[in-house]
């Protein structure tokens, strides 16, 4: 998630802190760079600032 969420979106900050306590925050610019490699994008229509999150999953074998 973008580190800017902390100052711009209290609702998203609370949700992220509750659900993902070990979440890594990066700058909004870095988040956009990382999204260029996405294989799937879900557009929710969320309009609040910095409500985007990148999720990575994989298999450890």
Protein backbone atom coordinates (compact mmCIF):
# COMPACT_ATOMS: atom_id res chain seq x y z
CA UNK A 1 0.00 0.00 0.00
CA UNK A 2 1.10 3.59 -0.46
CA UNK A 3 2.61 5.22 2.60
CA UNK A 4 0.59 8.34 1.81
CA UNK A 5 -2.55 6.50 2.93
CA UNK A 6 -1.61 7.26 6.55
CA UNK A 7 -2.24 10.99 6.19
CA UNK A 8 -4.93 10.98 3.52
CA UNK A 9 -7.39 8.19 4.24
CA UNK A 10 -8.21 7.27 7.84
CA UNK A 11 -10.73 4.58 6.90
CA UNK A 12 -8.28 2.74 4.65
CA UNK A 13 -5.52 3.10 7.23
CA UNK A 14 -7.70 1.51 9.93
CA UNK A 15 -8.74 -1.33 7.64
CA UNK A 16 -5.17 -2.05 6.51
CA UNK A 17 -3.83 -1.96 10.07
CA UNK A 18 -6.54 -4.34 11.27
CA UNK A 19 -6.26 -6.85 8.43
CA UNK A 20 -2.56 -6.63 7.52
CA UNK A 21 -0.48 -5.75 10.60
CA UNK A 22 2.82 -6.56 8.82
CA UNK A 23 1.97 -4.67 5.63
CA UNK A 24 4.88 -3.03 3.81
CA UNK A 25 4.20 0.55 2.81
CA UNK A 26 5.93 2.14 -0.19
CA UNK A 27 5.65 5.51 -1.87
CA UNK A 28 2.73 6.04 -4.24
CA UNK A 29 5.20 6.32 -7.12
CA UNK A 30 6.77 2.97 -6.20
CA UNK A 31 3.31 1.40 -5.93
CA UNK A 32 2.59 2.49 -9.50
CA UNK A 33 5.91 1.02 -10.67
CA UNK A 34 5.16 -2.29 -8.97
CA UNK A 35 1.68 -2.44 -10.51
CA UNK A 36 3.22 -2.48 -14.00
CA UNK A 37 4.11 -6.14 -13.40
CA UNK A 38 0.63 -7.17 -12.27
CA UNK A 39 -1.00 -10.17 -13.88
CA UNK A 40 -4.48 -9.32 -12.67
CA UNK A 41 -6.07 -5.98 -11.82
CA UNK A 42 -9.41 -5.59 -10.06
CA UNK A 43 -10.98 -2.17 -10.52
CA UNK A 44 -13.38 -1.50 -7.65
CA UNK A 45 -14.29 2.10 -8.38
CA UNK A 46 -13.03 3.22 -4.95
CA UNK A 47 -12.67 7.01 -5.03
CA UNK A 48 -11.02 7.71 -1.68
CA UNK A 49 -7.34 8.66 -1.91
CA UNK A 50 -4.63 5.98 -1.74
CA UNK A 51 -7.09 3.10 -1.37
CA UNK A 52 -5.03 0.85 -3.68
CA UNK A 53 -3.19 -2.21 -2.43
CA UNK A 54 -0.97 -4.69 -4.25
CA UNK A 55 -1.31 -8.29 -3.10
CA UNK A 56 1.26 -10.91 -3.97
CA UNK A 57 0.67 -14.61 -3.61
CA UNK A 58 2.73 -17.60 -4.48
CA UNK A 59 3.59 -21.17 -3.66
CA UNK A 60 6.66 -22.05 -1.60
CA UNK A 61 7.90 -25.24 -3.23
